[in-house]
């Protein structure tokens, strides 16, 4: 079992940057696939980015590719989402999620993840 706590959200102007962190409890963080998802008001939760256990495989939604970077530091039990060139449409609550059984072909689906953080609000003003 793992517990996740996101931080780093806030209010930023369009074109700015934020770095989200996802701190995990436990000593088995390196065995979990990590995903970042977001949910805007009135919309379904959507895939943003994922990273595999070693950090050697990443995947991004087309809407954030080239602007966001997912990474992890297994020694610190923490995953990150660096968000650059932010746009108003990036405004949402951002969640990190973890699961041991996720594989790349299913990693974009939020239903595949068992463990979730509480979310952190990102607001981009235009």
N, C-alpha and C. Protein backbone atom coordinates (compact mmCIF):
# COMPACT_ATOMS: atom_id res chain seq x y z
N UNK A 1 0.84 -1.18 0.00
CA UNK A 1 0.00 0.00 0.00
C UNK A 1 0.88 1.23 0.00
N UNK A 2 0.39 2.29 -0.62
CA UNK A 2 1.14 3.54 -0.69
C UNK A 2 0.17 4.70 -0.52
N UNK A 3 0.63 5.73 0.14
CA UNK A 3 -0.15 6.97 0.27
C UNK A 3 0.55 8.07 -0.50
N UNK A 4 -0.22 8.88 -1.20
CA UNK A 4 0.32 9.91 -2.08
C UNK A 4 -0.15 11.29 -1.63
N UNK A 5 0.77 12.24 -1.67
CA UNK A 5 0.43 13.62 -1.32
C UNK A 5 1.02 14.54 -2.38
N UNK A 6 0.13 15.27 -3.08
CA UNK A 6 0.57 16.21 -4.10
C UNK A 6 0.82 17.58 -3.48
N UNK A 7 1.69 18.32 -4.10
CA UNK A 7 1.94 19.70 -3.71
C UNK A 7 2.47 20.46 -4.92
N UNK A 8 2.51 21.79 -4.80
CA UNK A 8 3.11 22.60 -5.85
C UNK A 8 2.13 23.33 -6.74
N UNK A 9 0.85 23.10 -6.53
CA UNK A 9 -0.13 23.81 -7.34
C UNK A 9 -0.22 25.27 -6.95
N UNK A 10 -0.98 26.04 -7.73
CA UNK A 10 -1.14 27.45 -7.43
C UNK A 10 -1.70 28.21 -8.61
N UNK A 11 -1.61 29.52 -8.50
CA UNK A 11 -2.08 30.43 -9.55
C UNK A 11 -0.88 30.96 -10.32
N UNK A 12 -0.94 30.87 -11.63
CA UNK A 12 0.16 31.32 -12.47
C UNK A 12 -0.41 31.96 -13.73
N UNK A 13 0.31 32.89 -14.28
CA UNK A 13 -0.11 33.51 -15.54
C UNK A 13 0.18 32.59 -16.72
N UNK A 14 -0.58 32.75 -17.77
CA UNK A 14 -0.33 31.99 -18.99
C UNK A 14 1.12 32.21 -19.44
N UNK A 15 1.75 31.12 -19.85
CA UNK A 15 3.15 31.17 -20.24
C UNK A 15 4.11 30.84 -19.12
N UNK A 16 3.59 30.81 -17.91
CA UNK A 16 4.43 30.52 -16.75
C UNK A 16 4.64 29.04 -16.52
N UNK A 17 5.29 28.74 -15.39
CA UNK A 17 5.65 27.36 -15.07
C UNK A 17 5.29 27.03 -13.63
N UNK A 18 5.04 25.75 -13.41
CA UNK A 18 4.86 25.19 -12.07
C UNK A 18 5.48 23.80 -12.06
N UNK A 19 5.92 23.37 -10.88
CA UNK A 19 6.36 22.00 -10.72
C UNK A 19 5.55 21.35 -9.62
N UNK A 20 4.84 20.32 -9.98
CA UNK A 20 4.08 19.55 -9.02
C UNK A 20 4.92 18.40 -8.48
N UNK A 21 4.71 18.11 -7.21
CA UNK A 21 5.39 16.97 -6.58
C UNK A 21 4.35 15.99 -6.06
N UNK A 22 4.73 14.74 -6.06
CA UNK A 22 3.87 13.67 -5.54
C UNK A 22 4.73 12.84 -4.60
N UNK A 23 4.57 13.04 -3.31
CA UNK A 23 5.37 12.34 -2.31
C UNK A 23 4.64 11.08 -1.87
N UNK A 24 5.36 9.98 -1.85
CA UNK A 24 4.75 8.69 -1.52
C UNK A 24 5.32 8.15 -0.22
N UNK A 25 4.47 7.49 0.52
CA UNK A 25 4.91 6.80 1.73
C UNK A 25 5.36 5.39 1.37
N UNK A 26 6.01 4.73 2.30
CA UNK A 26 6.38 3.35 2.08
C UNK A 26 7.73 3.18 1.44
N UNK A 27 8.21 1.92 1.44
CA UNK A 27 9.55 1.64 0.94
C UNK A 27 9.54 0.94 -0.41
N UNK A 28 8.37 0.87 -1.03
CA UNK A 28 8.27 0.16 -2.30
C UNK A 28 7.87 1.07 -3.45
N UNK A 29 8.15 2.34 -3.32
CA UNK A 29 7.75 3.31 -4.35
C UNK A 29 8.26 2.92 -5.72
N UNK A 30 9.44 2.38 -5.78
CA UNK A 30 10.05 2.05 -7.07
C UNK A 30 9.33 0.93 -7.80
N UNK A 31 8.39 0.26 -7.15
CA UNK A 31 7.65 -0.82 -7.81
C UNK A 31 6.32 -0.34 -8.38
N UNK A 32 6.02 0.95 -8.24
CA UNK A 32 4.74 1.50 -8.68
C UNK A 32 4.88 2.30 -9.96
N UNK A 33 3.97 2.06 -10.88
CA UNK A 33 3.79 2.92 -12.04
C UNK A 33 3.10 4.18 -11.54
N UNK A 34 3.51 5.35 -12.03
CA UNK A 34 2.95 6.63 -11.59
C UNK A 34 2.27 7.33 -12.76
N UNK A 35 1.10 7.85 -12.48
CA UNK A 35 0.39 8.64 -13.49
C UNK A 35 -0.02 9.99 -12.92
N UNK A 36 -0.03 10.97 -13.77
CA UNK A 36 -0.62 12.28 -13.44
C UNK A 36 -1.88 12.43 -14.27
N UNK A 37 -2.95 12.84 -13.61
CA UNK A 37 -4.24 13.06 -14.26
C UNK A 37 -4.76 14.42 -13.82
N UNK A 38 -5.72 14.94 -14.55
CA UNK A 38 -6.31 16.21 -14.15
C UNK A 38 -7.81 16.21 -14.41
N UNK A 39 -8.48 17.05 -13.67
CA UNK A 39 -9.93 17.15 -13.82
C UNK A 39 -10.36 18.60 -13.68
N UNK A 40 -10.93 19.12 -14.75
CA UNK A 40 -11.46 20.47 -14.77
C UNK A 40 -12.94 20.41 -14.38
N UNK A 41 -13.49 21.52 -13.90
CA UNK A 41 -14.91 21.54 -13.50
C UNK A 41 -15.82 21.09 -14.63
N UNK A 42 -16.71 20.16 -14.32
CA UNK A 42 -17.67 19.69 -15.31
C UNK A 42 -17.12 18.72 -16.32
N UNK A 43 -15.86 18.33 -16.16
CA UNK A 43 -15.24 17.41 -17.12
C UNK A 43 -14.79 16.14 -16.42
N UNK A 44 -14.55 15.11 -17.21
CA UNK A 44 -14.05 13.86 -16.68
C UNK A 44 -12.55 13.98 -16.39
N UNK A 45 -12.11 13.11 -15.50
CA UNK A 45 -10.67 13.06 -15.22
C UNK A 45 -9.93 12.56 -16.46
N UNK A 46 -8.84 13.24 -16.80
CA UNK A 46 -8.13 12.89 -18.02
C UNK A 46 -6.66 12.65 -17.78
N UNK A 47 -6.12 11.80 -18.61
CA UNK A 47 -4.71 11.44 -18.57
C UNK A 47 -3.85 12.64 -18.94
N UNK A 48 -2.75 12.82 -18.21
CA UNK A 48 -1.78 13.86 -18.52
C UNK A 48 -0.43 13.23 -18.89
N UNK A 49 0.10 12.40 -17.98
CA UNK A 49 1.41 11.80 -18.22
C UNK A 49 1.60 10.59 -17.31
N UNK A 50 2.43 9.65 -17.76
CA UNK A 50 2.76 8.50 -16.92
C UNK A 50 4.25 8.21 -17.00
N UNK A 51 4.73 7.49 -16.00
CA UNK A 51 6.14 7.11 -15.96
C UNK A 51 6.23 5.72 -15.35
N UNK A 52 7.10 4.90 -15.92
CA UNK A 52 7.20 3.54 -15.41
C UNK A 52 8.08 3.47 -14.16
N UNK A 53 8.32 2.24 -13.71
CA UNK A 53 8.95 2.03 -12.41
C UNK A 53 10.36 2.63 -12.34
N UNK A 54 11.12 2.47 -13.40
CA UNK A 54 12.50 2.94 -13.39
C UNK A 54 12.64 4.38 -13.85
N UNK A 55 11.60 4.90 -14.46
CA UNK A 55 11.68 6.23 -15.04
C UNK A 55 12.15 6.22 -16.48
N UNK A 56 12.36 5.03 -17.02
CA UNK A 56 12.88 4.95 -18.37
C UNK A 56 11.83 5.03 -19.46
N UNK A 57 10.56 4.99 -19.08
CA UNK A 57 9.50 5.05 -20.07
C UNK A 57 8.47 6.08 -19.63
N UNK A 58 8.22 7.04 -20.49
CA UNK A 58 7.24 8.07 -20.19
C UNK A 58 6.24 8.18 -21.34
N UNK A 59 5.09 8.76 -21.03
CA UNK A 59 4.03 8.92 -22.02
C UNK A 59 3.29 10.21 -21.68
N UNK A 60 2.85 10.92 -22.72
CA UNK A 60 2.19 12.20 -22.51
C UNK A 60 0.94 12.32 -23.37
N UNK A 61 -0.04 13.02 -22.84
CA UNK A 61 -1.18 13.40 -23.66
C UNK A 61 -0.72 14.39 -24.72
N UNK A 62 -1.35 14.34 -25.88
CA UNK A 62 -0.96 15.25 -26.96
C UNK A 62 -1.07 16.71 -26.53
N UNK A 63 -2.02 17.01 -25.67
CA UNK A 63 -2.26 18.40 -25.28
C UNK A 63 -1.13 18.98 -24.43
N UNK A 64 -0.29 18.13 -23.86
CA UNK A 64 0.79 18.63 -22.99
C UNK A 64 2.18 18.27 -23.51
N UNK A 65 2.23 17.47 -24.54
CA UNK A 65 3.52 17.01 -25.07
C UNK A 65 4.36 18.20 -25.49
N UNK A 66 5.62 18.20 -25.05
CA UNK A 66 6.52 19.30 -25.37
C UNK A 66 6.48 20.43 -24.36
N UNK A 67 5.48 20.42 -23.48
CA UNK A 67 5.36 21.48 -22.46
C UNK A 67 5.53 20.91 -21.05
N UNK A 68 5.09 19.68 -20.83
CA UNK A 68 5.16 19.05 -19.51
C UNK A 68 6.23 17.96 -19.52
N UNK A 69 6.85 17.75 -18.36
CA UNK A 69 7.83 16.69 -18.20
C UNK A 69 7.56 15.94 -16.91
N UNK A 70 7.38 14.64 -17.02
CA UNK A 70 7.20 13.79 -15.84
C UNK A 70 8.53 13.15 -15.48
N UNK A 71 8.79 13.03 -14.19
CA UNK A 71 10.02 12.40 -13.73
C UNK A 71 9.78 11.79 -12.36
N UNK A 72 10.74 11.05 -11.88
CA UNK A 72 10.63 10.46 -10.55
C UNK A 72 12.02 10.31 -9.95
N UNK A 73 12.06 10.36 -8.62
CA UNK A 73 13.28 10.11 -7.87
C UNK A 73 12.94 9.02 -6.86
N UNK A 74 13.28 7.80 -7.18
CA UNK A 74 12.89 6.69 -6.32
C UNK A 74 13.59 6.74 -4.96
N UNK A 75 14.76 7.35 -4.91
CA UNK A 75 15.47 7.47 -3.63
C UNK A 75 14.72 8.41 -2.69
N UNK A 76 13.96 9.35 -3.27
CA UNK A 76 13.20 10.30 -2.46
C UNK A 76 11.71 9.96 -2.40
N UNK A 77 11.32 8.84 -3.01
CA UNK A 77 9.90 8.44 -3.02
C UNK A 77 9.01 9.56 -3.57
N UNK A 78 9.46 10.21 -4.61
CA UNK A 78 8.74 11.36 -5.14
C UNK A 78 8.70 11.34 -6.65
N UNK A 79 7.54 11.71 -7.18
CA UNK A 79 7.39 11.92 -8.61
C UNK A 79 7.09 13.39 -8.85
N UNK A 80 7.40 13.84 -10.06
CA UNK A 80 7.26 15.26 -10.38
C UNK A 80 6.54 15.44 -11.71
N UNK A 81 5.93 16.61 -11.83
CA UNK A 81 5.39 17.03 -13.12
C UNK A 81 5.80 18.48 -13.33
N UNK A 82 6.77 18.68 -14.18
CA UNK A 82 7.21 20.03 -14.54
C UNK A 82 6.31 20.54 -15.65
N UNK A 83 5.67 21.67 -15.41
CA UNK A 83 4.71 22.21 -16.37
C UNK A 83 5.20 23.58 -16.83
N UNK A 84 5.52 23.68 -18.10
CA UNK A 84 6.00 24.93 -18.70
C UNK A 84 5.02 25.41 -19.75
N UNK A 85 5.15 26.67 -20.12
CA UNK A 85 4.28 27.26 -21.15
C UNK A 85 2.81 26.97 -20.86
N UNK A 86 2.43 27.21 -19.64
CA UNK A 86 1.07 26.88 -19.22
C UNK A 86 0.04 27.73 -19.96
N UNK A 87 -1.10 27.10 -20.19
CA UNK A 87 -2.21 27.73 -20.89
C UNK A 87 -3.44 27.74 -19.98
N UNK A 88 -4.38 28.60 -20.29
CA UNK A 88 -5.61 28.68 -19.49
C UNK A 88 -6.31 27.33 -19.44
N UNK A 89 -6.24 26.59 -20.53
CA UNK A 89 -6.92 25.29 -20.59
C UNK A 89 -6.24 24.21 -19.75
N UNK A 90 -5.09 24.52 -19.17
CA UNK A 90 -4.45 23.59 -18.24
C UNK A 90 -5.04 23.69 -16.84
N UNK A 91 -5.90 24.67 -16.62
CA UNK A 91 -6.52 24.85 -15.31
C UNK A 91 -7.33 23.62 -14.93
N UNK A 92 -7.02 23.06 -13.76
CA UNK A 92 -7.68 21.84 -13.30
C UNK A 92 -7.12 21.46 -11.94
N UNK A 93 -7.74 20.48 -11.33
CA UNK A 93 -7.15 19.82 -10.17
C UNK A 93 -6.29 18.68 -10.71
N UNK A 94 -5.05 18.64 -10.29
CA UNK A 94 -4.11 17.63 -10.75
C UNK A 94 -3.92 16.57 -9.67
N UNK A 95 -3.99 15.32 -10.10
CA UNK A 95 -3.87 14.18 -9.20
C UNK A 95 -2.71 13.29 -9.64
N UNK A 96 -1.99 12.76 -8.68
CA UNK A 96 -1.07 11.68 -9.00
C UNK A 96 -1.69 10.37 -8.55
N UNK A 97 -1.34 9.31 -9.24
CA UNK A 97 -1.89 8.00 -8.98
C UNK A 97 -0.78 6.96 -9.10
N UNK A 98 -0.96 5.85 -8.41
CA UNK A 98 0.06 4.80 -8.41
C UNK A 98 -0.59 3.43 -8.43
N UNK A 99 0.07 2.52 -9.09
CA UNK A 99 -0.40 1.14 -9.08
C UNK A 99 0.74 0.23 -9.50
N UNK A 100 0.79 -0.97 -8.93
CA UNK A 100 1.84 -1.92 -9.28
C UNK A 100 1.52 -2.73 -10.53
N UNK A 101 0.24 -2.82 -10.87
CA UNK A 101 -0.17 -3.74 -11.93
C UNK A 101 -0.33 -3.07 -13.29
N UNK A 102 -0.14 -1.74 -13.32
CA UNK A 102 -0.30 -1.03 -14.59
C UNK A 102 0.82 -1.43 -15.55
N UNK A 103 0.46 -1.56 -16.80
CA UNK A 103 1.44 -1.79 -17.87
C UNK A 103 1.26 -0.69 -18.90
N UNK A 104 2.25 -0.48 -19.75
CA UNK A 104 2.18 0.67 -20.65
C UNK A 104 0.90 0.77 -21.48
N UNK A 105 0.40 -0.36 -21.96
CA UNK A 105 -0.75 -0.30 -22.86
C UNK A 105 -2.01 0.18 -22.15
N UNK A 106 -2.07 0.06 -20.85
CA UNK A 106 -3.26 0.48 -20.10
C UNK A 106 -2.99 1.68 -19.20
N UNK A 107 -1.83 2.25 -19.26
CA UNK A 107 -1.42 3.26 -18.27
C UNK A 107 -2.16 4.58 -18.41
N UNK A 108 -2.82 4.81 -19.52
CA UNK A 108 -3.54 6.08 -19.69
C UNK A 108 -4.92 6.08 -19.04
N UNK A 109 -5.39 4.94 -18.61
CA UNK A 109 -6.74 4.86 -18.05
C UNK A 109 -6.70 5.07 -16.55
N UNK A 110 -7.41 6.06 -16.02
CA UNK A 110 -7.42 6.30 -14.58
C UNK A 110 -8.01 5.13 -13.79
N UNK A 111 -8.84 4.33 -14.42
CA UNK A 111 -9.45 3.22 -13.71
C UNK A 111 -8.45 2.13 -13.36
N UNK A 112 -7.27 2.17 -13.95
CA UNK A 112 -6.23 1.16 -13.69
C UNK A 112 -5.43 1.44 -12.43
N UNK A 113 -5.62 2.59 -11.84
CA UNK A 113 -4.80 2.99 -10.71
C UNK A 113 -5.59 2.82 -9.40
N UNK A 114 -4.96 2.19 -8.43
CA UNK A 114 -5.63 1.94 -7.16
C UNK A 114 -5.43 3.08 -6.17
N UNK A 115 -4.28 3.70 -6.19
CA UNK A 115 -3.94 4.69 -5.16
C UNK A 115 -3.91 6.09 -5.77
N UNK A 116 -4.52 7.03 -5.04
CA UNK A 116 -4.64 8.41 -5.51
C UNK A 116 -4.29 9.38 -4.41
N UNK A 117 -3.72 10.51 -4.80
CA UNK A 117 -3.55 11.61 -3.89
C UNK A 117 -4.82 12.43 -3.80
N UNK A 118 -4.76 13.49 -2.99
CA UNK A 118 -5.94 14.32 -2.76
C UNK A 118 -6.12 15.39 -3.83
N UNK A 119 -5.11 15.61 -4.63
CA UNK A 119 -5.18 16.59 -5.70
C UNK A 119 -4.63 17.94 -5.30
N UNK A 120 -4.15 18.67 -6.28
CA UNK A 120 -3.67 20.03 -6.07
C UNK A 120 -4.19 20.91 -7.20
N UNK A 121 -4.69 22.09 -6.84
CA UNK A 121 -5.32 22.97 -7.82
C UNK A 121 -4.26 23.75 -8.60
N UNK A 122 -4.41 23.74 -9.90
CA UNK A 122 -3.59 24.57 -10.79
C UNK A 122 -4.53 25.51 -11.54
N UNK A 123 -4.28 26.80 -11.41
CA UNK A 123 -5.10 27.79 -12.09
C UNK A 123 -4.19 28.67 -12.94
N UNK A 124 -4.49 28.74 -14.22
CA UNK A 124 -3.69 29.53 -15.16
C UNK A 124 -4.56 30.69 -15.64
N UNK A 125 -4.11 31.88 -15.37
CA UNK A 125 -4.86 33.06 -15.78
C UNK A 125 -4.39 33.53 -17.15
N UNK A 126 -5.33 33.92 -17.96
CA UNK A 126 -4.99 34.35 -19.33
C UNK A 126 -4.85 35.85 -19.42
